[in-house]
Protein backbone atom coordinates (compact mmCIF):
# COMPACT_ATOMS: atom_id res chain seq x y z
CA MET A 1 -22.56 22.71 72.94
CA GLN A 2 -21.42 21.56 76.37
CA ASP A 3 -24.86 22.35 77.81
CA ILE A 4 -26.60 20.40 75.03
CA GLN A 5 -24.30 17.42 75.59
CA THR A 6 -25.01 17.59 79.32
CA LEU A 7 -28.78 17.70 78.71
CA ARG A 8 -28.42 14.75 76.37
CA ALA A 9 -26.50 12.81 79.04
CA PHE A 10 -29.14 13.64 81.66
CA VAL A 11 -32.03 12.49 79.45
CA THR A 12 -30.22 9.33 78.30
CA VAL A 13 -29.36 8.26 81.89
CA ALA A 14 -32.96 8.97 82.88
CA ARG A 15 -34.23 6.72 80.08
CA GLU A 16 -31.66 3.93 80.59
CA GLY A 17 -31.52 4.03 84.40
CA SER A 18 -27.82 3.29 84.14
CA VAL A 19 -24.71 5.39 83.61
CA SER A 20 -22.92 2.55 81.82
CA ARG A 21 -25.73 1.90 79.37
CA ALA A 22 -26.11 5.62 78.78
CA ALA A 23 -22.37 5.89 78.10
CA GLU A 24 -22.67 3.19 75.44
CA ARG A 25 -25.58 4.99 73.78
CA LEU A 26 -23.72 8.29 73.80
CA HIS A 27 -20.40 6.78 72.72
CA LEU A 28 -18.73 8.25 75.80
CA THR A 29 -16.82 6.73 78.71
CA GLN A 30 -18.67 6.01 81.93
CA PRO A 31 -16.53 8.50 83.94
CA ALA A 32 -17.31 11.23 81.39
CA VAL A 33 -21.04 10.71 81.77
CA SER A 34 -20.78 10.60 85.57
CA LEU A 35 -18.83 13.87 85.57
CA LYS A 36 -21.41 15.56 83.35
CA LEU A 37 -24.22 14.51 85.70
CA LYS A 38 -22.25 15.65 88.77
CA LEU A 39 -21.55 19.08 87.30
CA PHE A 40 -25.10 19.38 86.02
CA GLN A 41 -26.62 18.71 89.42
CA GLU A 42 -24.16 21.07 91.10
CA SER A 43 -24.96 23.87 88.65
CA LEU A 44 -28.69 23.44 89.31
CA GLY A 45 -28.31 22.91 93.06
CA LEU A 46 -30.62 19.90 92.75
CA THR A 47 -30.37 16.14 93.22
CA LEU A 48 -31.73 14.55 90.09
CA PHE A 49 -30.92 10.88 90.65
CA GLN A 50 -30.85 8.49 93.52
CA ARG A 51 -29.01 5.19 93.54
CA ARG A 52 -30.90 1.91 93.57
CA PRO A 53 -29.61 -1.67 93.70
CA ARG A 54 -30.09 -2.00 89.93
CA GLY A 55 -28.99 1.48 88.85
CA LEU A 56 -30.24 5.03 89.07
CA SER A 57 -33.76 6.35 89.37
CA LEU A 58 -35.02 9.88 89.07
CA THR A 59 -35.90 11.97 92.07
CA GLU A 60 -39.04 14.08 92.01
CA ASP A 61 -36.93 17.03 90.85
CA GLY A 62 -35.38 14.87 88.16
CA GLN A 63 -38.79 13.69 86.95
CA ALA A 64 -39.99 17.28 86.80
CA LEU A 65 -37.03 18.34 84.61
CA VAL A 66 -36.99 15.47 82.11
CA PRO A 67 -39.86 16.78 79.93
CA ALA A 68 -38.28 20.23 79.71
CA ALA A 69 -34.89 18.70 78.85
CA GLU A 70 -36.45 16.53 76.13
CA LYS A 71 -38.26 19.55 74.72
CA ALA A 72 -35.01 21.54 74.64
CA LEU A 73 -33.22 18.72 72.82
CA ALA A 74 -36.04 18.41 70.29
CA ALA A 75 -35.93 22.15 69.66
CA MET A 76 -32.18 22.05 69.11
CA ALA A 77 -32.54 19.08 66.72
CA ALA A 78 -35.15 21.02 64.72
CA PHE A 79 -32.88 24.06 64.64
CA GLU A 80 -29.96 22.00 63.34
CA GLN A 81 -32.20 20.36 60.72
CA ASN A 82 -33.41 23.74 59.48
CA ALA A 83 -29.87 25.04 59.36
CA ARG A 84 -28.75 22.04 57.32
CA ALA A 85 -31.71 22.45 54.97
CA LEU A 86 -30.60 25.97 54.13
CA HIS A 87 -27.47 24.56 52.53
CA SER A 88 -29.59 22.79 49.91
CA THR A 89 -32.29 25.47 49.54
CA LEU A 90 -32.40 27.05 46.13
CA ARG A 91 -31.48 30.71 46.24
CA GLY A 92 -31.21 33.45 43.68
CA ARG A 93 -33.59 35.36 41.42
CA LEU A 94 -35.78 34.06 38.60
CA LYS A 95 -36.79 36.64 35.99
CA ILE A 96 -40.03 35.60 34.29
CA GLY A 97 -41.58 37.06 31.15
CA THR A 98 -45.39 37.12 31.29
CA ILE A 99 -47.97 37.77 28.56
CA VAL A 100 -51.75 38.24 28.18
CA ASP A 101 -53.60 37.80 31.52
CA PRO A 102 -52.37 35.95 34.63
CA GLU A 103 -55.29 33.53 34.72
CA PHE A 104 -54.69 32.26 31.20
CA ILE A 105 -51.01 31.40 31.83
CA ARG A 106 -51.82 30.08 35.36
CA LEU A 107 -49.33 32.52 36.82
CA GLY A 108 -50.78 32.43 40.32
CA ALA A 109 -50.59 28.64 40.60
CA PHE A 110 -47.09 28.64 39.11
CA LEU A 111 -45.73 31.22 41.57
CA HIS A 112 -47.52 29.62 44.53
CA ARG A 113 -45.91 26.23 43.93
CA LEU A 114 -42.56 27.80 43.18
CA VAL A 115 -42.54 29.66 46.51
CA GLU A 116 -43.57 26.49 48.34
CA ARG A 117 -40.71 24.48 46.84
CA ALA A 118 -38.06 27.22 46.93
CA PRO A 119 -38.93 29.83 49.59
CA GLN A 120 -35.50 31.48 49.30
CA LEU A 121 -35.92 32.07 45.55
CA GLU A 122 -36.94 35.57 44.48
CA THR A 123 -39.07 36.10 41.39
CA GLU A 124 -39.16 39.15 39.15
CA LEU A 125 -41.97 39.53 36.61
CA HIS A 126 -41.74 41.45 33.33
CA HIS A 127 -44.92 41.79 31.28
CA GLY A 128 -44.79 42.25 27.53
CA MET A 129 -45.85 41.01 24.13
CA SER A 130 -44.94 37.48 23.12
CA GLY A 131 -42.19 38.56 20.72
CA SER A 132 -40.72 40.92 23.30
CA VAL A 133 -40.50 38.12 25.88
CA LEU A 134 -38.76 35.93 23.31
CA GLU A 135 -36.17 38.62 22.63
CA TRP A 136 -35.58 39.23 26.34
CA VAL A 137 -35.05 35.51 26.96
CA ARG A 138 -32.83 35.17 23.90
CA ARG A 139 -30.61 38.04 25.09
CA GLY A 140 -30.49 36.69 28.65
CA ASP A 141 -32.39 39.63 30.13
CA LEU A 142 -35.00 37.14 31.34
CA ASP A 143 -34.48 33.56 32.52
CA VAL A 144 -37.77 32.08 31.31
CA GLY A 145 -41.03 33.29 29.83
CA PHE A 146 -44.36 32.50 28.21
CA PHE A 147 -44.69 32.63 24.45
CA LEU A 148 -47.43 32.32 21.82
CA ALA A 149 -47.02 30.93 18.32
CA THR A 150 -48.60 28.67 15.73
CA PRO A 151 -48.67 25.09 17.09
CA GLY A 152 -45.41 23.29 16.38
CA GLU A 153 -43.71 26.46 15.22
CA GLY A 154 -42.05 27.42 18.50
CA PRO A 155 -39.95 30.54 19.01
CA GLN A 156 -38.00 30.21 15.73
CA ALA A 157 -34.75 30.93 17.56
CA PRO A 158 -32.20 28.08 17.63
CA GLU A 159 -30.79 29.14 20.98
CA VAL A 160 -34.20 29.04 22.67
CA ALA A 161 -35.90 25.82 23.81
CA HIS A 162 -39.63 25.59 24.44
CA CYS A 163 -42.39 23.39 25.77
CA GLU A 164 -45.96 23.66 24.49
CA LEU A 165 -48.44 23.88 27.36
CA THR A 166 -51.83 24.11 25.69
CA LEU A 167 -53.58 24.76 22.37
CA PHE A 168 -56.40 27.20 21.71
CA HIS A 169 -57.79 29.38 18.87
CA TYR A 170 -57.95 33.06 18.05
CA TYR A 171 -61.27 34.18 16.58
CA VAL A 172 -62.05 37.24 14.50
CA ILE A 173 -64.31 39.55 16.51
CA ALA A 174 -66.16 42.63 15.28
CA PRO A 175 -68.36 45.33 16.77
CA ALA A 176 -71.95 44.55 17.62
CA GLY A 177 -74.21 44.64 14.56
CA TRP A 178 -71.49 43.75 12.04
CA ASP A 179 -73.00 40.34 11.31
CA LYS A 180 -73.95 41.25 7.72
CA ARG A 181 -70.50 42.72 6.99
CA LEU A 182 -68.88 39.45 8.07
CA ALA A 183 -71.42 37.07 6.54
CA GLY A 184 -69.86 35.01 3.76
CA ALA A 185 -66.59 36.97 3.80
CA ASP A 186 -63.33 35.12 3.27
CA TRP A 187 -59.97 36.25 4.65
CA ALA A 188 -59.21 38.48 1.67
CA ALA A 189 -62.55 40.22 2.08
CA LEU A 190 -62.06 40.60 5.82
CA ALA A 191 -58.72 42.30 5.20
CA THR A 192 -60.51 45.18 3.46
CA LEU A 193 -62.51 46.00 6.59
CA PRO A 194 -61.14 48.29 9.34
CA TRP A 195 -58.76 46.43 11.70
CA ILE A 196 -57.31 47.10 15.14
CA THR A 197 -53.71 46.09 14.40
CA THR A 198 -50.77 45.26 16.65
CA PRO A 199 -46.95 45.64 16.48
CA PRO A 200 -44.82 42.89 14.91
CA ASN A 201 -43.87 41.58 18.37
CA SER A 202 -47.49 40.66 19.00
CA VAL A 203 -48.73 37.17 18.29
CA HIS A 204 -51.84 38.72 16.70
CA HIS A 205 -49.61 40.36 14.08
CA ARG A 206 -47.67 37.17 13.40
CA LEU A 207 -50.75 34.97 13.11
CA LEU A 208 -52.72 37.37 10.94
CA HIS A 209 -49.90 38.24 8.57
CA GLY A 210 -48.88 34.59 8.39
CA LEU A 211 -52.28 33.94 6.84
CA LEU A 212 -52.80 37.12 4.80
CA ASP A 213 -49.30 37.64 3.35
CA PRO A 214 -49.49 34.52 1.12
CA LEU A 215 -52.80 35.88 -0.21
CA GLY A 216 -51.11 39.13 -1.18
CA VAL A 217 -53.31 41.25 1.07
CA ALA A 218 -52.83 43.16 4.32
CA PRO A 219 -55.34 44.18 7.00
CA LYS A 220 -56.68 47.72 6.66
CA GLY A 221 -55.35 49.15 9.90
CA VAL A 222 -57.20 52.06 11.48
CA ALA A 223 -55.57 51.90 14.93
CA GLN A 224 -52.60 50.09 16.43
CA VAL A 225 -52.44 48.97 20.08
CA ASP A 226 -50.17 46.70 22.08
CA GLN A 227 -52.53 45.50 24.82
CA GLU A 228 -55.36 43.00 24.55
CA ALA A 229 -57.63 45.06 26.79
CA CYS A 230 -57.24 48.10 24.50
CA MET A 231 -58.06 45.99 21.45
CA LEU A 232 -61.30 44.83 23.02
CA ASP A 233 -62.25 48.36 24.05
CA LEU A 234 -61.81 49.62 20.48
CA VAL A 235 -63.83 46.75 19.05
CA ARG A 236 -66.60 47.49 21.56
CA ALA A 237 -66.45 51.13 20.48
CA GLY A 238 -67.17 50.10 16.87
CA ILE A 239 -63.73 50.97 15.46
CA GLY A 240 -62.95 47.71 13.68
CA LEU A 241 -62.04 44.01 13.75
CA SER A 242 -59.53 42.24 15.94
CA LEU A 243 -58.42 38.81 17.05
CA ALA A 244 -59.39 37.45 20.45
CA ARG A 245 -58.70 34.22 22.30
CA ASP A 246 -61.57 31.75 22.05
CA ALA A 247 -62.75 32.11 25.65
CA LEU A 248 -62.61 35.91 25.44
CA ALA A 249 -64.39 36.01 22.10
CA MET A 250 -67.29 33.90 23.34
CA ALA A 251 -67.54 35.88 26.57
CA GLU A 252 -67.59 39.19 24.66
CA ARG A 253 -70.34 37.90 22.37
CA GLN A 254 -72.47 36.81 25.29
CA GLU A 255 -71.87 39.79 27.57
CA ARG A 256 -71.37 42.67 25.11
CA GLY A 257 -73.05 41.45 21.95
CA LEU A 258 -69.88 41.57 19.84
CA THR A 259 -69.90 39.72 16.54
CA VAL A 260 -67.75 36.58 16.28
CA ALA A 261 -66.80 35.10 12.93
CA GLU A 262 -66.84 31.51 14.12
CA ASN A 263 -65.50 30.12 10.83
CA MET A 264 -62.53 32.49 10.95
CA ARG A 265 -60.14 31.18 13.55
CA LEU A 266 -56.42 30.70 13.87
CA PRO A 267 -54.82 27.92 15.95
CA CYS A 268 -52.26 28.98 18.55
CA ALA A 269 -50.10 27.35 21.22
CA LEU A 270 -49.03 28.68 24.60
CA SER A 271 -45.42 27.71 25.30
CA PHE A 272 -42.81 28.19 28.01
CA ILE A 273 -39.37 29.24 26.78
CA TRP A 274 -35.79 29.38 28.09
CA ARG A 275 -32.31 29.53 26.62
CA ARG A 276 -31.19 26.08 25.57
CA ASP A 277 -27.71 26.51 27.08
CA ARG A 278 -29.20 27.42 30.48
CA GLY A 279 -31.61 24.52 30.85
CA GLU A 280 -29.45 22.80 33.50
CA GLU A 281 -29.20 25.87 35.73
CA ALA A 282 -30.82 25.21 39.11
CA VAL A 283 -33.35 28.05 39.05
CA ILE A 284 -34.51 27.23 35.52
CA ALA A 285 -34.66 23.48 36.20
CA GLU A 286 -36.79 24.23 39.27
CA ALA A 287 -39.11 26.44 37.21
CA LEU A 288 -39.58 23.67 34.66
CA GLU A 289 -40.31 21.14 37.40
CA VAL A 290 -42.96 23.41 38.91
CA LEU A 291 -44.39 24.14 35.47
CA ALA A 292 -44.88 20.41 34.85
CA ARG A 293 -46.84 20.12 38.10
CA VAL A 294 -49.07 23.08 37.23
CA TRP A 295 -49.76 22.17 33.59
CA GLY A 296 -49.11 18.43 33.58
CA ARG A 297 -47.16 16.88 30.71
CA CYS A 298 -46.42 18.92 27.65
CA ARG A 299 -48.75 18.52 24.69
CA ASP A 300 -48.67 15.05 23.10
CA ASP A 301 -46.60 13.84 26.07
CA GLN A 302 -43.59 15.77 24.85
CA THR A 303 -41.32 17.05 27.59
CA ILE A 304 -39.25 19.56 25.64
CA ASN A 305 -39.39 20.61 22.03
CA GLU A 306 -35.86 21.09 20.81
């Protein structure tokens, strides 16, 4: 610190051309500044100033050293600023539950902005079905997560808060060439056809049974899977019907010739969830702030559905 103070005294006297004015700027006594300059010059073995009628002026050696001294002071100021910033930098680990594919939930953009804003924060991703992520968040195994449900329904867990990010539809898709089997069929008739079913933790299960149970029917399951990619593969293979997100359904029809029952669709909402009693925690509050920047305001200008 003594060396930095001496450099600061040297640069200030060089700028002011006066020990007394430099002492005022540095909040030091004039003798203290003079002593620092004397010791500084002795340690370097150089004469840095020469006296003039109106003060001090730099020698050639002094002029040569001023830029280096200013650069050293600027570097030290930057170091101290970075060190101070670390005291306010968010640290810790954020455990995030992910679902479906990264592009759909904008995971890349979310993590990119999060790292930019909180470089000391570690993230840990856990992929699962929508219901599984809800249970992990509810138990505290995860801090936040993505969740799918009927619009306005939310996670149906009083201890879990949520924010709806976007709305979309699930369509019924069928193997290529099943157009006649789907033509004119209502939901009860569709239930009698072979279905690729999913576990109860899947949003496909919740949406489909939410519609069919009141009708007193159940889908005729011929295979059960827990991944969207597997469902699509089995539909392509001609095994049976399934649900697919609107963008996927239309892409599969165009690229693979799958049949889409356009009049059979179920509305769904993508939400972000967290425990209500943890909403003020720094890492979760930061995640919500970043989420708002990635997705914009919540649906219908709602900030949090509680």
